[in-house]
Amino acid sequence: MSPDSVDQRVVISGIGAITPLGHDAESSFAGLVQGESGVAATGFDLHADSECRIAAEVRNWQGEEILGRRAARRFSRFVHLAVGAARQAAADAKLDDSGEPRERIGVLLGVGLGGLDTLYDSFDRMARGGPRAGSPLDIPALIPNMAAAQVAIDLNARGPCYTIAASCASSAHAIGEAVEKLRQGSLDQVITGGSEAIVTPQGLAGFERLGALSRNNAQPDRACRPFDRDRDGFVLGEGAGVLILERLETARGRGVTPYAEVAGYAATADALHQTQPAADGDGAARAIIGALRAARLPPEAIEYVNAHGTGTLQNDIAETRAIKRAFGSHAANLWISSNKSMIGHLIGAAGAVELIFTALSLKHGIVPPTRNLENPDPECDLDYVPGSARTRRISTAISNSFGFGGHNAVLVLRACS
């Protein structure tokens, strides 16, 4: 964000979320505050050799409820989730009543992999029946841009519409770039966020072979243990988070009360390794420092960090080091927590869902806990809010998102005044 554009304050005017803890943002956040777990044994069969048999699925929710049976068949599950969350966000922001020209509403969503479910179903059909067993709907259903495209169609948003793919940082990047679009003045609202639905046998197997997933099948709710000495990997999750962003003056002109201001955004690259983060946290620290600089805030202004907090050995240590590098002595004063300890890792949707939860922390004055943090890792020695939620009025917070390939994105939220 350029310094000469900070007068263009961008705010969150609507939110929508479908997560392993609930089918909307507020119920999901309520479960998070209570320390509930969305992790359980998978709802589908796995090969006998599968070592990881747990996931954080969105249960009792079907895309047919949103799109209707016929339309739902045309799209992969990540599209269903995106449209469902986008409708919630648009209704919350009173977007249908805004009177704004639809040409000035854009859509910018993040996706990690896209329609993995459709991809493997297509492979299976063609392996058994040849090319004629393929469907003309396969490619349109699974391509990563289709969530953004279908949200635009569904909400008649005729401005720029595209997708950002940056692994686990995808939707955080999408939100940050949406802020830039609004500050340029070419759009009035941007529908932004992300979706992901790769909790499939193939998705689990891929991450399992990487050694990234927890194998604690006997105790699913205790499997994801960010910053804990006994952590053994993350839990794969699914879901969607969508936000309506607009300039503060536009929101107030429509009579909408914002949740929070997106005050800063920065992105960096580790430029190091395909999957491993920089051990010293340098790239992540630079993203934090850059986001604070963009928000024109000193490190001491931040009160809460919604951590990336995956529960993997290397990532939790690297993130702790990054926070210390960026905040110095103030790191010891921060409240830090990991939503992934309860909802799993939503990959391309993680940044958006976690930013929504951060905004609700500012709104309600409560910080969710880090679940399952019982034996702190000596190298993770900050305050990760273990055990139970804490209540305090919060005015400023950051949300961290870091992805395979060394992608780092940090967003700063500030309470609206």
Protein backbone atom coordinates (compact mmCIF):
# COMPACT_ATOMS: atom_id res chain seq x y z
CA MET A 1 0.00 0.00 0.00
CA SER A 2 1.51 3.31 -1.00
CA PRO A 3 1.89 5.94 1.75
CA ASP A 4 0.00 8.53 -0.26
CA SER A 5 -3.12 6.35 -0.34
CA VAL A 6 -3.66 5.78 3.37
CA ASP A 7 -6.45 8.37 3.44
CA GLN A 8 -8.52 5.86 1.47
CA ARG A 9 -9.51 3.74 4.44
CA VAL A 10 -10.80 0.29 3.44
CA VAL A 11 -13.16 -1.57 5.73
CA ILE A 12 -14.90 -4.90 6.05
CA SER A 13 -18.62 -4.27 5.59
CA GLY A 14 -19.83 -7.88 5.33
CA ILE A 15 -18.65 -11.37 6.17
CA GLY A 16 -19.63 -14.92 5.33
CA ALA A 17 -18.05 -18.20 6.34
CA ILE A 18 -18.71 -21.92 6.11
CA THR A 19 -16.30 -23.86 8.30
CA PRO A 20 -15.90 -27.15 10.18
CA LEU A 21 -17.37 -25.36 13.21
CA GLY A 22 -20.46 -23.84 11.63
CA HIS A 23 -22.31 -22.82 8.51
CA ASP A 24 -21.91 -19.08 9.11
CA ALA A 25 -19.29 -16.74 10.55
CA GLU A 26 -20.83 -16.00 13.95
CA SER A 27 -21.63 -19.62 14.85
CA SER A 28 -18.17 -20.68 13.72
CA PHE A 29 -16.59 -17.98 15.87
CA ALA A 30 -18.75 -18.96 18.85
CA GLY A 31 -17.47 -22.53 18.57
CA LEU A 32 -13.92 -21.27 18.28
CA VAL A 33 -14.27 -19.17 21.44
CA GLN A 34 -15.62 -22.21 23.29
CA GLY A 35 -12.61 -24.25 22.22
CA GLU A 36 -14.68 -26.71 20.19
CA SER A 37 -13.00 -28.97 17.66
CA GLY A 38 -14.17 -29.54 14.10
CA VAL A 39 -11.78 -32.45 13.64
CA ALA A 40 -13.12 -36.01 13.41
CA ALA A 41 -12.66 -39.27 11.53
CA THR A 42 -13.23 -38.74 7.83
CA GLY A 43 -16.75 -39.13 6.55
CA PHE A 44 -15.59 -41.31 3.65
CA ASP A 45 -13.70 -44.56 3.23
CA LEU A 46 -9.91 -44.62 2.95
CA HIS A 47 -7.42 -47.20 1.75
CA ALA A 48 -6.30 -49.65 4.43
CA ASP A 49 -2.75 -48.27 4.16
CA SER A 50 -3.79 -44.66 4.89
CA GLU A 51 -1.94 -43.42 7.95
CA CYS A 52 -4.01 -40.26 8.42
CA ARG A 53 -7.73 -40.94 8.82
CA ILE A 54 -8.95 -37.63 10.28
CA ALA A 55 -9.90 -34.25 8.85
CA ALA A 56 -11.85 -31.07 9.57
CA GLU A 57 -14.82 -31.35 7.24
CA VAL A 58 -17.83 -29.10 6.76
CA ARG A 59 -20.51 -31.55 7.82
CA ASN A 60 -24.26 -31.56 7.15
CA TRP A 61 -23.91 -29.00 4.37
CA GLN A 62 -24.43 -29.59 0.66
CA GLY A 63 -24.05 -27.30 -2.32
CA GLU A 64 -27.46 -28.34 -3.55
CA GLU A 65 -28.94 -26.25 -0.73
CA ILE A 66 -27.31 -23.18 -2.26
CA LEU A 67 -27.29 -23.77 -6.00
CA GLY A 68 -30.01 -26.33 -6.47
CA ARG A 69 -29.38 -29.93 -7.51
CA ARG A 70 -28.94 -29.36 -11.23
CA ALA A 71 -26.58 -26.39 -10.93
CA ALA A 72 -24.59 -27.98 -8.11
CA ARG A 73 -23.65 -30.88 -10.39
CA ARG A 74 -21.87 -28.44 -12.69
CA PHE A 75 -19.30 -27.33 -10.11
CA SER A 76 -16.77 -28.74 -7.69
CA ARG A 77 -17.35 -28.43 -3.96
CA PHE A 78 -14.98 -25.48 -3.54
CA VAL A 79 -17.28 -23.47 -5.82
CA HIS A 80 -20.34 -24.46 -3.78
CA LEU A 81 -18.64 -23.25 -0.61
CA ALA A 82 -17.51 -19.98 -2.19
CA VAL A 83 -20.98 -19.11 -3.47
CA GLY A 84 -22.55 -19.98 -0.11
CA ALA A 85 -20.14 -17.77 1.84
CA ALA A 86 -20.38 -14.97 -0.73
CA ARG A 87 -24.16 -14.83 -0.46
CA GLN A 88 -23.86 -14.53 3.32
CA ALA A 89 -21.32 -11.72 3.01
CA ALA A 90 -23.35 -9.83 0.41
CA ALA A 91 -26.48 -10.03 2.56
CA ASP A 92 -24.53 -8.95 5.65
CA ALA A 93 -23.15 -5.91 3.79
CA LYS A 94 -26.58 -5.09 2.34
CA LEU A 95 -24.94 -5.25 -1.05
CA ASP A 96 -28.20 -6.01 -2.80
CA ASP A 97 -29.57 -2.73 -1.46
CA SER A 98 -26.45 -0.67 -2.18
CA GLY A 99 -27.65 0.84 -5.43
CA GLU A 100 -24.05 0.74 -6.67
CA PRO A 101 -23.43 0.07 -10.38
CA ARG A 102 -22.52 -3.59 -10.73
CA GLU A 103 -19.63 -2.66 -13.02
CA ARG A 104 -17.89 -1.21 -9.96
CA ILE A 105 -18.08 -4.41 -7.90
CA GLY A 106 -15.15 -6.77 -8.33
CA VAL A 107 -14.46 -10.35 -7.26
CA LEU A 108 -11.02 -11.49 -6.14
CA LEU A 109 -10.77 -14.91 -4.50
CA GLY A 110 -7.93 -17.15 -3.40
CA VAL A 111 -7.79 -20.90 -4.07
CA GLY A 112 -5.01 -23.37 -3.35
CA LEU A 113 -5.80 -26.36 -5.57
CA GLY A 114 -9.35 -26.00 -6.87
CA GLY A 115 -11.55 -28.95 -7.81
CA LEU A 116 -9.50 -31.89 -6.63
CA ASP A 117 -12.69 -33.92 -6.11
CA THR A 118 -13.79 -33.49 -9.72
CA LEU A 119 -10.29 -34.04 -11.06
CA TYR A 120 -9.89 -37.47 -9.52
CA ASP A 121 -13.46 -38.50 -10.26
CA SER A 122 -12.77 -37.67 -13.90
CA PHE A 123 -9.52 -39.64 -13.88
CA ASP A 124 -11.31 -42.63 -12.37
CA ARG A 125 -14.10 -42.58 -14.94
CA MET A 126 -11.70 -42.25 -17.85
CA ALA A 127 -9.40 -44.97 -16.54
CA ARG A 128 -12.35 -47.35 -16.56
CA GLY A 129 -14.22 -46.16 -19.62
CA GLY A 130 -11.82 -44.21 -21.81
CA PRO A 131 -12.15 -40.62 -23.05
CA ARG A 132 -15.86 -40.96 -23.81
CA ALA A 133 -16.45 -41.53 -20.09
CA GLY A 134 -15.27 -37.97 -19.44
CA SER A 135 -17.81 -35.22 -18.96
CA PRO A 136 -17.94 -31.87 -20.78
CA LEU A 137 -18.44 -30.38 -17.33
CA ASP A 138 -15.18 -31.71 -15.86
CA ILE A 139 -12.83 -28.88 -16.84
CA PRO A 140 -15.25 -25.98 -16.15
CA ALA A 141 -16.11 -27.58 -12.82
CA LEU A 142 -12.58 -27.91 -11.48
CA ILE A 143 -10.50 -24.98 -12.79
CA PRO A 144 -9.39 -22.73 -9.90
CA ASN A 145 -10.90 -19.52 -11.29
CA MET A 146 -14.41 -20.97 -11.30
CA ALA A 147 -15.17 -19.98 -7.70
CA ALA A 148 -14.58 -16.31 -8.51
CA ALA A 149 -16.42 -16.62 -11.81
CA GLN A 150 -19.49 -18.23 -10.30
CA VAL A 151 -19.60 -15.75 -7.41
CA ALA A 152 -19.54 -12.94 -9.97
CA ILE A 153 -22.34 -14.59 -11.94
CA ASP A 154 -24.36 -15.30 -8.83
CA LEU A 155 -24.10 -11.74 -7.47
CA ASN A 156 -23.97 -9.96 -10.85
CA ALA A 157 -20.60 -8.39 -10.04
CA ARG A 158 -19.28 -7.03 -13.34
CA GLY A 159 -15.97 -5.52 -12.31
CA PRO A 160 -12.59 -7.26 -12.45
CA CYS A 161 -12.88 -10.92 -11.52
CA TYR A 162 -9.96 -13.28 -11.00
CA THR A 163 -8.22 -15.77 -8.73
CA ILE A 164 -4.95 -15.76 -6.81
CA ALA A 165 -3.21 -19.06 -6.13
CA ALA A 166 -0.41 -18.90 -3.57
CA SER A 167 -0.91 -22.10 -1.60
CA CYS A 168 -1.88 -21.46 2.03
CA ALA A 169 -1.50 -17.68 1.61
CA SER A 170 -3.89 -17.48 -1.36
CA SER A 171 -6.89 -15.78 0.24
CA ALA A 172 -4.77 -13.45 2.37
CA HIS A 173 -3.10 -12.24 -0.83
CA ALA A 174 -6.51 -11.89 -2.47
CA ILE A 175 -7.76 -9.69 0.37
CA GLY A 176 -4.63 -7.55 0.33
CA GLU A 177 -4.82 -7.03 -3.41
CA ALA A 178 -8.53 -6.21 -3.11
CA VAL A 179 -7.62 -3.43 -0.70
CA GLU A 180 -5.20 -2.05 -3.28
CA LYS A 181 -7.93 -2.08 -5.94
CA LEU A 182 -10.24 -0.07 -3.71
CA ARG A 183 -7.56 2.44 -2.82
CA GLN A 184 -6.96 3.03 -6.51
CA GLY A 185 -10.58 4.20 -6.69
CA SER A 186 -11.63 2.10 -9.68
CA LEU A 187 -14.11 -0.03 -7.68
CA ASP A 188 -16.68 0.61 -4.98
CA GLN A 189 -16.76 -2.88 -3.47
CA VAL A 190 -14.72 -6.04 -3.82
CA ILE A 191 -16.03 -9.49 -2.93
CA THR A 192 -12.91 -11.23 -1.69
CA GLY A 193 -11.67 -14.16 0.37
CA GLY A 194 -11.19 -17.78 -0.58
CA SER A 195 -12.46 -21.35 -0.63
CA GLU A 196 -11.01 -24.85 -0.57
CA ALA A 197 -12.39 -28.40 -0.59
CA ILE A 198 -9.57 -30.91 -0.92
CA VAL A 199 -10.51 -33.19 1.95
CA THR A 200 -10.52 -36.22 -0.31
CA PRO A 201 -8.60 -39.51 -0.24
CA GLN A 202 -6.16 -38.04 -2.75
CA GLY A 203 -5.72 -34.78 -0.87
CA LEU A 204 -5.05 -36.57 2.38
CA ALA A 205 -2.64 -39.00 0.73
CA GLY A 206 -0.65 -36.19 -0.88
CA PHE A 207 -0.11 -34.26 2.34
CA GLU A 208 0.42 -37.50 4.25
CA ARG A 209 3.28 -38.50 1.97
CA LEU A 210 4.84 -35.09 2.57
CA GLY A 211 4.87 -35.89 6.28
CA ALA A 212 2.74 -32.80 6.95
CA LEU A 213 -0.33 -34.37 8.60
CA SER A 214 -0.99 -35.48 12.15
CA ARG A 215 -1.52 -39.22 12.53
CA ASN A 216 -3.35 -39.00 15.86
CA ASN A 217 -6.36 -40.94 14.57
CA ALA A 218 -7.29 -42.20 18.04
CA GLN A 219 -7.89 -38.66 19.37
CA PRO A 220 -8.99 -36.48 16.46
CA ASP A 221 -9.92 -33.47 18.61
CA ARG A 222 -6.41 -33.52 20.12
CA ALA A 223 -4.54 -34.03 16.86
CA CYS A 224 -3.66 -30.45 15.88
CA ARG A 225 -1.32 -29.07 18.57
CA PRO A 226 0.23 -25.76 17.44
CA PHE A 227 3.29 -24.68 19.43
CA ASP A 228 3.09 -27.81 21.58
CA ARG A 229 6.14 -30.00 22.16
CA ASP A 230 4.18 -33.08 21.03
CA ARG A 231 2.78 -31.71 17.76
CA ASP A 232 3.08 -34.00 14.76
CA GLY A 233 1.49 -32.10 11.88
CA PHE A 234 -1.59 -30.22 10.77
CA VAL A 235 -5.11 -31.48 10.11
CA LEU A 236 -6.49 -30.93 6.62
CA GLY A 237 -9.69 -28.88 6.56
CA GLU A 238 -12.18 -27.38 4.13
CA GLY A 239 -14.40 -24.33 3.99
CA ALA A 240 -14.80 -20.81 2.67
CA GLY A 241 -14.54 -17.27 3.94
CA VAL A 242 -15.75 -14.26 1.97
CA LEU A 243 -15.62 -10.58 2.88
CA ILE A 244 -17.10 -7.47 1.31
CA LEU A 245 -14.52 -4.69 1.29
CA GLU A 246 -15.18 -1.06 0.47
CA ARG A 247 -13.91 2.39 1.35
CA LEU A 248 -15.05 3.69 4.71
CA GLU A 249 -16.83 6.66 3.20
CA THR A 250 -18.78 4.37 0.86
CA ALA A 251 -19.86 2.08 3.69
CA ARG A 252 -20.96 4.99 5.86
CA GLY A 253 -22.80 6.52 2.93
CA ARG A 254 -24.80 3.29 2.63
CA GLY A 255 -25.50 3.23 6.38
CA VAL A 256 -23.38 0.11 6.95
CA THR A 257 -21.40 -0.32 10.18
CA PRO A 258 -18.00 -1.87 9.38
CA TYR A 259 -16.47 -4.73 11.33
CA ALA A 260 -12.94 -3.36 11.11
CA GLU A 261 -10.51 -1.50 8.88
CA VAL A 262 -7.96 -3.42 6.81
CA ALA A 263 -5.19 -0.99 7.64
CA GLY A 264 -2.16 -2.73 6.21
CA TYR A 265 -0.99 -5.53 3.93
CA ALA A 266 2.40 -6.79 2.84
CA ALA A 267 3.72 -9.81 0.97
CA THR A 268 7.17 -11.34 0.74
CA ALA A 269 8.85 -14.52 -0.46
CA ASP A 270 11.33 -16.73 1.38
CA ALA A 271 12.79 -17.72 -2.02
CA LEU A 272 14.24 -20.77 -0.30
CA HIS A 273 12.46 -24.11 -0.60
CA GLN A 274 9.48 -25.86 -2.13
CA THR A 275 7.82 -26.65 1.20
CA GLN A 276 10.03 -25.60 4.11
CA PRO A 277 9.85 -22.09 5.62
CA ALA A 278 12.95 -20.04 6.31
CA ALA A 279 14.09 -21.38 9.67
CA ASP A 280 15.00 -17.92 10.97
CA GLY A 281 11.58 -16.50 10.06
CA ASP A 282 13.12 -13.75 7.92
CA GLY A 283 10.56 -13.70 5.10
CA ALA A 284 7.60 -13.82 7.47
CA ALA A 285 9.14 -11.13 9.67
CA ARG A 286 9.63 -8.86 6.67
CA ALA A 287 5.96 -9.32 5.77
CA ILE A 288 4.89 -8.37 9.30
CA ILE A 289 7.15 -5.31 9.31
CA GLY A 290 5.93 -4.29 5.87
CA ALA A 291 2.27 -4.61 6.86
CA LEU A 292 2.84 -2.48 9.96
CA ARG A 293 4.66 0.11 7.88
CA ALA A 294 1.78 0.17 5.38
CA ALA A 295 -0.65 0.71 8.26
CA ARG A 296 1.62 3.39 9.74
CA LEU A 297 1.61 1.61 13.06
CA PRO A 298 4.52 0.90 15.41
CA PRO A 299 4.97 -2.71 16.56
CA GLU A 300 3.80 -1.70 20.04
CA ALA A 301 0.34 -0.88 18.67
CA ILE A 302 -0.48 -4.52 17.93
CA GLU A 303 -2.28 -6.43 20.67
CA TYR A 304 -3.22 -9.74 19.05
CA VAL A 305 -1.70 -12.03 16.43
CA ASN A 306 -3.89 -14.57 14.67
CA ALA A 307 -1.04 -16.96 13.93
CA HIS A 308 -0.59 -19.18 10.91
CA GLY A 309 0.00 -21.82 13.60
CA THR A 310 -0.16 -25.05 11.61
CA GLY A 311 1.04 -27.49 14.26
CA THR A 312 3.99 -28.66 12.16
CA LEU A 313 7.44 -28.83 13.70
CA GLN A 314 9.25 -26.35 11.47
CA ASN A 315 6.46 -23.84 10.83
CA ASP A 316 5.63 -23.12 14.47
CA ILE A 317 9.25 -22.47 15.38
CA ALA A 318 9.82 -20.32 12.28
CA GLU A 319 6.69 -18.27 12.98
CA THR A 320 7.72 -17.72 16.60
CA ARG A 321 11.11 -16.48 15.42
CA ALA A 322 9.44 -14.23 12.85
CA ILE A 323 7.23 -12.64 15.50
CA LYS A 324 10.24 -12.02 17.71
CA ARG A 325 12.20 -10.48 14.82
CA ALA A 326 9.34 -8.20 13.85
CA PHE A 327 8.17 -7.13 17.30
CA GLY A 328 11.33 -7.25 19.37
CA SER A 329 10.69 -7.04 23.10
CA HIS A 330 6.99 -6.33 22.45
CA ALA A 331 6.56 -9.95 21.30
CA ALA A 332 6.30 -10.99 24.96
CA ASN A 333 3.24 -8.75 25.39
CA LEU A 334 1.26 -10.13 22.46
CA TRP A 335 -1.66 -12.50 22.67
CA ILE A 336 -1.18 -15.10 19.92
CA SER A 337 -3.51 -17.95 18.98
CA SER A 338 -4.05 -20.53 16.26
CA ASN A 339 -7.51 -21.12 14.81
CA LYS A 340 -6.16 -24.20 13.01
CA SER A 341 -6.04 -26.04 16.32
CA MET A 342 -9.84 -26.30 15.99
CA ILE A 343 -10.79 -25.88 12.32
CA GLY A 344 -7.78 -27.54 10.72
CA HIS A 345 -5.85 -26.05 7.83
CA LEU A 346 -8.18 -24.69 5.15
CA ILE A 347 -5.27 -24.14 2.72
CA GLY A 348 -6.51 -21.59 0.15
CA ALA A 349 -9.35 -20.46 2.41
CA ALA A 350 -7.28 -20.26 5.60
CA GLY A 351 -6.27 -16.61 5.39
CA ALA A 352 -9.80 -15.38 4.70
CA VAL A 353 -11.50 -17.43 7.41
CA GLU A 354 -8.85 -16.47 9.94
CA LEU A 355 -9.12 -12.77 9.04
CA ILE A 356 -12.89 -13.00 9.56
CA PHE A 357 -12.28 -14.50 12.99
CA THR A 358 -9.78 -11.72 13.73
CA ALA A 359 -12.38 -9.11 12.80
CA LEU A 360 -14.87 -10.79 15.13
CA SER A 361 -12.27 -10.73 17.90
CA LEU A 362 -12.10 -6.96 17.49
CA LYS A 363 -15.89 -6.68 17.36
CA HIS A 364 -16.59 -8.82 20.43
CA GLY A 365 -13.45 -8.13 22.46
CA ILE A 366 -12.51 -11.77 22.83
CA VAL A 367 -9.52 -13.82 21.66
CA PRO A 368 -10.06 -17.54 20.91
CA PRO A 369 -7.63 -19.97 22.53
CA THR A 370 -5.05 -22.28 21.03
CA ARG A 371 -6.50 -25.71 21.65
CA ASN A 372 -4.33 -28.67 22.73
CA LEU A 373 -1.39 -26.55 23.84
CA GLU A 374 -0.50 -28.51 26.97
CA ASN A 375 3.29 -28.97 26.83
CA PRO A 376 4.83 -25.87 25.24
CA ASP A 377 7.80 -26.34 22.97
CA PRO A 378 10.79 -24.58 24.60
CA GLU A 379 11.47 -22.91 21.24
CA CYS A 380 7.88 -21.59 21.13
CA ASP A 381 7.99 -19.45 24.24
CA LEU A 382 5.44 -16.68 23.62
CA ASP A 383 1.88 -16.28 24.92
CA TYR A 384 -0.28 -18.46 22.65
CA VAL A 385 -3.48 -18.16 24.76
CA PRO A 386 -3.60 -21.82 25.79
CA GLY A 387 -6.66 -23.49 27.25
CA SER A 388 -9.45 -20.93 27.10
CA ALA A 389 -10.46 -17.69 25.43
CA ARG A 390 -9.57 -14.32 26.92
CA THR A 391 -11.66 -11.18 27.03
CA ARG A 392 -10.19 -7.77 26.31
CA ARG A 393 -11.11 -4.86 24.10
CA ILE A 394 -8.76 -5.10 21.12
CA SER A 395 -8.11 -2.21 18.76
CA THR A 396 -5.37 -3.62 16.52
CA ALA A 397 -4.39 -7.09 15.35
CA ILE A 398 -2.57 -8.91 12.57
CA SER A 399 -3.31 -12.15 10.75
CA ASN A 400 -0.44 -14.23 9.39
CA SER A 401 -0.61 -16.53 6.37
CA PHE A 402 2.37 -18.46 5.05
CA GLY A 403 2.34 -21.00 2.22
CA PHE A 404 4.31 -23.71 0.44
CA GLY A 405 6.82 -22.12 -1.90
CA GLY A 406 7.70 -19.47 0.65
CA HIS A 407 4.67 -17.20 0.16
CA ASN A 408 4.10 -14.81 3.09
CA ALA A 409 1.11 -12.50 3.52
CA VAL A 410 0.22 -10.41 6.55
CA LEU A 411 -2.88 -8.28 7.08
CA VAL A 412 -3.39 -5.63 9.76
CA LEU A 413 -6.84 -4.96 11.19
CA ARG A 414 -7.77 -1.87 13.15
CA ALA A 415 -11.02 -1.10 14.95
CA CYS A 416 -13.04 1.55 13.15
CA SER A 417 -13.42 4.86 14.93
